[in-house]
N, C-alpha and C. Protein backbone atom coordinates (compact mmCIF):
# COMPACT_ATOMS: atom_id res chain seq x y z
N MET A 1 0.82 -1.19 0.00
CA MET A 1 0.00 0.00 0.00
C MET A 1 0.87 1.26 0.00
N VAL A 2 1.96 1.21 0.75
CA VAL A 2 2.86 2.36 0.80
C VAL A 2 3.54 2.55 -0.55
N VAL A 3 3.86 1.45 -1.22
CA VAL A 3 4.52 1.55 -2.52
C VAL A 3 3.59 2.20 -3.54
N ILE A 4 2.30 1.86 -3.50
CA ILE A 4 1.34 2.46 -4.43
C ILE A 4 1.19 3.95 -4.14
N SER A 5 1.18 4.32 -2.86
CA SER A 5 1.07 5.73 -2.50
C SER A 5 2.30 6.51 -2.98
N LEU A 6 3.47 5.93 -2.80
CA LEU A 6 4.69 6.59 -3.26
C LEU A 6 4.73 6.69 -4.78
N LEU A 7 4.26 5.64 -5.45
CA LEU A 7 4.21 5.67 -6.90
C LEU A 7 3.23 6.75 -7.38
N SER A 8 2.09 6.88 -6.72
CA SER A 8 1.13 7.92 -7.07
C SER A 8 1.73 9.31 -6.87
N LEU A 9 2.48 9.47 -5.80
CA LEU A 9 3.12 10.76 -5.54
C LEU A 9 4.16 11.09 -6.61
N VAL A 10 4.94 10.10 -7.01
CA VAL A 10 5.96 10.31 -8.04
C VAL A 10 5.30 10.64 -9.39
N VAL A 11 4.24 9.91 -9.73
CA VAL A 11 3.55 10.17 -11.00
C VAL A 11 2.96 11.58 -11.00
N SER A 12 2.33 11.97 -9.90
CA SER A 12 1.76 13.32 -9.80
C SER A 12 2.84 14.39 -9.91
N PHE A 13 3.96 14.16 -9.25
CA PHE A 13 5.07 15.11 -9.31
C PHE A 13 5.60 15.25 -10.73
N LEU A 14 5.77 14.12 -11.42
CA LEU A 14 6.28 14.17 -12.79
C LEU A 14 5.30 14.86 -13.74
N VAL A 15 4.01 14.61 -13.54
CA VAL A 15 3.01 15.28 -14.38
C VAL A 15 3.05 16.78 -14.17
N PHE A 16 3.10 17.21 -12.91
CA PHE A 16 3.12 18.65 -12.64
C PHE A 16 4.41 19.30 -13.13
N MET A 17 5.53 18.61 -13.03
CA MET A 17 6.78 19.18 -13.54
C MET A 17 6.75 19.27 -15.07
N GLY A 18 6.17 18.27 -15.72
CA GLY A 18 6.04 18.32 -17.18
C GLY A 18 5.14 19.44 -17.65
N VAL A 19 4.00 19.61 -16.96
CA VAL A 19 3.08 20.69 -17.32
C VAL A 19 3.73 22.04 -17.04
N ARG A 20 4.44 22.15 -15.94
CA ARG A 20 5.12 23.41 -15.60
C ARG A 20 6.17 23.75 -16.66
N PHE A 21 6.93 22.74 -17.08
CA PHE A 21 7.93 22.97 -18.12
C PHE A 21 7.27 23.42 -19.43
N ALA A 22 6.16 22.78 -19.78
CA ALA A 22 5.47 23.12 -21.03
C ALA A 22 4.89 24.54 -20.98
N VAL A 23 4.31 24.91 -19.85
CA VAL A 23 3.70 26.24 -19.75
C VAL A 23 4.77 27.32 -19.72
N TYR A 24 5.83 27.11 -18.94
CA TYR A 24 6.86 28.14 -18.84
C TYR A 24 7.76 28.19 -20.07
N SER A 25 7.73 27.17 -20.92
CA SER A 25 8.50 27.24 -22.16
C SER A 25 7.85 28.21 -23.16
N LEU A 26 6.58 28.55 -22.92
CA LEU A 26 5.89 29.52 -23.77
C LEU A 26 6.15 30.96 -23.35
N ASN A 27 6.97 31.17 -22.31
CA ASN A 27 7.32 32.49 -21.77
C ASN A 27 6.07 33.33 -21.46
N PRO A 28 5.32 32.93 -20.43
CA PRO A 28 4.11 33.68 -20.11
C PRO A 28 4.44 35.05 -19.53
N SER A 29 3.60 36.01 -19.82
CA SER A 29 3.81 37.35 -19.27
C SER A 29 3.13 37.51 -17.91
N ASN A 30 2.08 36.73 -17.65
CA ASN A 30 1.37 36.78 -16.38
C ASN A 30 1.65 35.48 -15.63
N TYR A 31 2.51 35.54 -14.63
CA TYR A 31 2.93 34.33 -13.93
C TYR A 31 1.84 33.77 -13.02
N LEU A 32 0.96 34.61 -12.51
CA LEU A 32 -0.15 34.12 -11.70
C LEU A 32 -1.09 33.27 -12.54
N PHE A 33 -1.43 33.76 -13.73
CA PHE A 33 -2.27 32.98 -14.64
C PHE A 33 -1.57 31.69 -15.05
N ALA A 34 -0.27 31.75 -15.27
CA ALA A 34 0.48 30.56 -15.64
C ALA A 34 0.44 29.52 -14.52
N ASP A 35 0.58 29.97 -13.27
CA ASP A 35 0.53 29.04 -12.14
C ASP A 35 -0.85 28.42 -11.99
N ILE A 36 -1.90 29.21 -12.17
CA ILE A 36 -3.26 28.66 -12.10
C ILE A 36 -3.51 27.68 -13.24
N LEU A 37 -3.00 28.00 -14.42
CA LEU A 37 -3.12 27.09 -15.56
C LEU A 37 -2.39 25.78 -15.31
N ILE A 38 -1.23 25.84 -14.69
CA ILE A 38 -0.48 24.63 -14.34
C ILE A 38 -1.28 23.78 -13.37
N ILE A 39 -1.89 24.41 -12.38
CA ILE A 39 -2.67 23.66 -11.40
C ILE A 39 -3.89 23.01 -12.06
N ILE A 40 -4.57 23.74 -12.94
CA ILE A 40 -5.76 23.19 -13.60
C ILE A 40 -5.40 22.03 -14.51
N ILE A 41 -4.43 22.23 -15.38
CA ILE A 41 -4.06 21.18 -16.34
C ILE A 41 -3.46 19.98 -15.62
N GLY A 42 -2.57 20.23 -14.66
CA GLY A 42 -1.95 19.14 -13.92
C GLY A 42 -2.96 18.34 -13.12
N SER A 43 -3.90 19.01 -12.48
CA SER A 43 -4.94 18.30 -11.71
C SER A 43 -5.81 17.45 -12.61
N PHE A 44 -6.15 17.99 -13.79
CA PHE A 44 -6.98 17.21 -14.70
C PHE A 44 -6.24 15.98 -15.22
N ILE A 45 -4.98 16.14 -15.59
CA ILE A 45 -4.21 15.00 -16.10
C ILE A 45 -4.04 13.93 -15.03
N VAL A 46 -3.72 14.34 -13.81
CA VAL A 46 -3.55 13.38 -12.72
C VAL A 46 -4.87 12.67 -12.44
N SER A 47 -5.97 13.39 -12.42
CA SER A 47 -7.28 12.78 -12.19
C SER A 47 -7.62 11.79 -13.29
N LEU A 48 -7.33 12.15 -14.52
CA LEU A 48 -7.62 11.26 -15.64
C LEU A 48 -6.75 10.01 -15.60
N ILE A 49 -5.47 10.15 -15.28
CA ILE A 49 -4.57 9.00 -15.20
C ILE A 49 -5.06 8.00 -14.15
N PHE A 50 -5.39 8.50 -12.97
CA PHE A 50 -5.78 7.58 -11.91
C PHE A 50 -7.19 7.04 -12.10
N ALA A 51 -8.06 7.77 -12.79
CA ALA A 51 -9.38 7.24 -13.11
C ALA A 51 -9.27 6.12 -14.15
N ILE A 52 -8.43 6.33 -15.15
CA ILE A 52 -8.22 5.28 -16.15
C ILE A 52 -7.62 4.05 -15.50
N ARG A 53 -6.71 4.26 -14.56
CA ARG A 53 -6.10 3.14 -13.85
C ARG A 53 -7.13 2.39 -13.00
N GLN A 54 -8.03 3.12 -12.37
CA GLN A 54 -9.02 2.48 -11.52
C GLN A 54 -10.10 1.76 -12.34
N PHE A 55 -10.43 2.27 -13.52
CA PHE A 55 -11.47 1.68 -14.35
C PHE A 55 -10.87 0.88 -15.51
N ARG A 56 -9.70 0.33 -15.33
CA ARG A 56 -9.00 -0.33 -16.44
C ARG A 56 -9.71 -1.60 -16.92
N TYR A 57 -10.52 -2.23 -16.09
CA TYR A 57 -11.18 -3.48 -16.49
C TYR A 57 -12.49 -3.24 -17.24
N MET A 58 -12.90 -2.00 -17.38
CA MET A 58 -14.13 -1.72 -18.12
C MET A 58 -13.90 -1.68 -19.62
N GLY A 59 -12.66 -1.65 -20.05
CA GLY A 59 -12.37 -1.62 -21.47
C GLY A 59 -12.77 -0.30 -22.11
N ARG A 60 -13.33 -0.39 -23.30
CA ARG A 60 -13.72 0.83 -24.02
C ARG A 60 -15.01 1.43 -23.49
N ASP A 61 -15.73 0.68 -22.67
CA ASP A 61 -17.01 1.19 -22.15
C ASP A 61 -16.83 2.26 -21.09
N LYS A 62 -15.63 2.40 -20.55
CA LYS A 62 -15.42 3.41 -19.51
C LYS A 62 -15.62 4.83 -20.04
N TRP A 63 -15.37 5.04 -21.33
CA TRP A 63 -15.51 6.38 -21.90
C TRP A 63 -16.98 6.78 -22.03
N ARG A 64 -17.89 5.79 -22.01
CA ARG A 64 -19.32 6.07 -22.08
C ARG A 64 -20.00 6.02 -20.72
N SER A 65 -19.26 5.61 -19.71
CA SER A 65 -19.84 5.41 -18.39
C SER A 65 -20.03 6.75 -17.66
N GLN A 66 -21.23 6.95 -17.14
CA GLN A 66 -21.51 8.16 -16.37
C GLN A 66 -20.72 8.16 -15.07
N PHE A 67 -20.54 6.98 -14.47
CA PHE A 67 -19.80 6.87 -13.22
C PHE A 67 -18.34 7.25 -13.41
N PHE A 68 -17.75 6.87 -14.56
CA PHE A 68 -16.37 7.23 -14.85
C PHE A 68 -16.22 8.75 -14.95
N HIS A 69 -17.13 9.40 -15.66
CA HIS A 69 -17.04 10.85 -15.82
C HIS A 69 -17.27 11.59 -14.51
N SER A 70 -18.19 11.10 -13.71
CA SER A 70 -18.41 11.75 -12.41
C SER A 70 -17.21 11.53 -11.49
N PHE A 71 -16.56 10.36 -11.60
CA PHE A 71 -15.36 10.10 -10.81
C PHE A 71 -14.23 11.04 -11.22
N VAL A 72 -14.03 11.21 -12.52
CA VAL A 72 -12.97 12.12 -13.00
C VAL A 72 -13.25 13.55 -12.55
N LEU A 73 -14.48 13.99 -12.69
CA LEU A 73 -14.82 15.36 -12.29
C LEU A 73 -14.66 15.56 -10.79
N ARG A 74 -15.12 14.59 -10.00
CA ARG A 74 -15.01 14.71 -8.54
C ARG A 74 -13.55 14.73 -8.09
N THR A 75 -12.73 13.84 -8.62
CA THR A 75 -11.32 13.83 -8.21
C THR A 75 -10.59 15.07 -8.72
N PHE A 76 -10.97 15.57 -9.90
CA PHE A 76 -10.37 16.80 -10.40
C PHE A 76 -10.68 17.97 -9.47
N LEU A 77 -11.93 18.10 -9.06
CA LEU A 77 -12.30 19.21 -8.18
C LEU A 77 -11.62 19.11 -6.83
N ILE A 78 -11.52 17.91 -6.29
CA ILE A 78 -10.85 17.72 -5.00
C ILE A 78 -9.37 18.04 -5.13
N ASN A 79 -8.72 17.50 -6.16
CA ASN A 79 -7.29 17.76 -6.35
C ASN A 79 -7.02 19.24 -6.59
N PHE A 80 -7.84 19.87 -7.42
CA PHE A 80 -7.64 21.28 -7.71
C PHE A 80 -7.80 22.13 -6.46
N ALA A 81 -8.83 21.85 -5.67
CA ALA A 81 -9.06 22.64 -4.46
C ALA A 81 -7.92 22.49 -3.47
N ILE A 82 -7.47 21.28 -3.26
CA ILE A 82 -6.39 21.04 -2.29
C ILE A 82 -5.09 21.70 -2.76
N ILE A 83 -4.73 21.51 -4.02
CA ILE A 83 -3.48 22.07 -4.52
C ILE A 83 -3.54 23.59 -4.59
N PHE A 84 -4.71 24.14 -4.94
CA PHE A 84 -4.86 25.59 -4.98
C PHE A 84 -4.73 26.20 -3.59
N ILE A 85 -5.34 25.58 -2.59
CA ILE A 85 -5.23 26.08 -1.22
C ILE A 85 -3.80 25.97 -0.72
N ILE A 86 -3.14 24.87 -1.01
CA ILE A 86 -1.74 24.71 -0.59
C ILE A 86 -0.86 25.76 -1.26
N SER A 87 -1.09 26.01 -2.55
CA SER A 87 -0.26 27.01 -3.24
C SER A 87 -0.53 28.42 -2.72
N LEU A 88 -1.77 28.70 -2.34
CA LEU A 88 -2.05 30.01 -1.74
C LEU A 88 -1.37 30.16 -0.39
N LEU A 89 -1.43 29.13 0.43
CA LEU A 89 -0.80 29.19 1.74
C LEU A 89 0.72 29.23 1.62
N TRP A 90 1.26 28.54 0.61
CA TRP A 90 2.71 28.50 0.42
C TRP A 90 3.25 29.87 0.01
N SER A 91 2.48 30.59 -0.83
CA SER A 91 2.96 31.89 -1.31
C SER A 91 2.65 33.02 -0.34
N TRP A 92 1.86 32.75 0.67
CA TRP A 92 1.48 33.78 1.62
C TRP A 92 2.57 33.96 2.58
């Protein structure tokens, strides 16, 4: 269980670093908007990766499943809220 948690943490870290590299390679003029964009895109990608991993036995039907979409949306909102609050507290 600890190994899966550490693996999830590493995957999330790599996704956020990749998104950060991609956004900052475009030389944004507004860094606050760039940081919010990184949080939104990174949270969505992480939510999608772990939802696909959790629903891997559904095959192609997972893309039509209402439960899959609600799971992705719910985890995205939770991840976004937590990371946004942490980033606000970190910069304060």
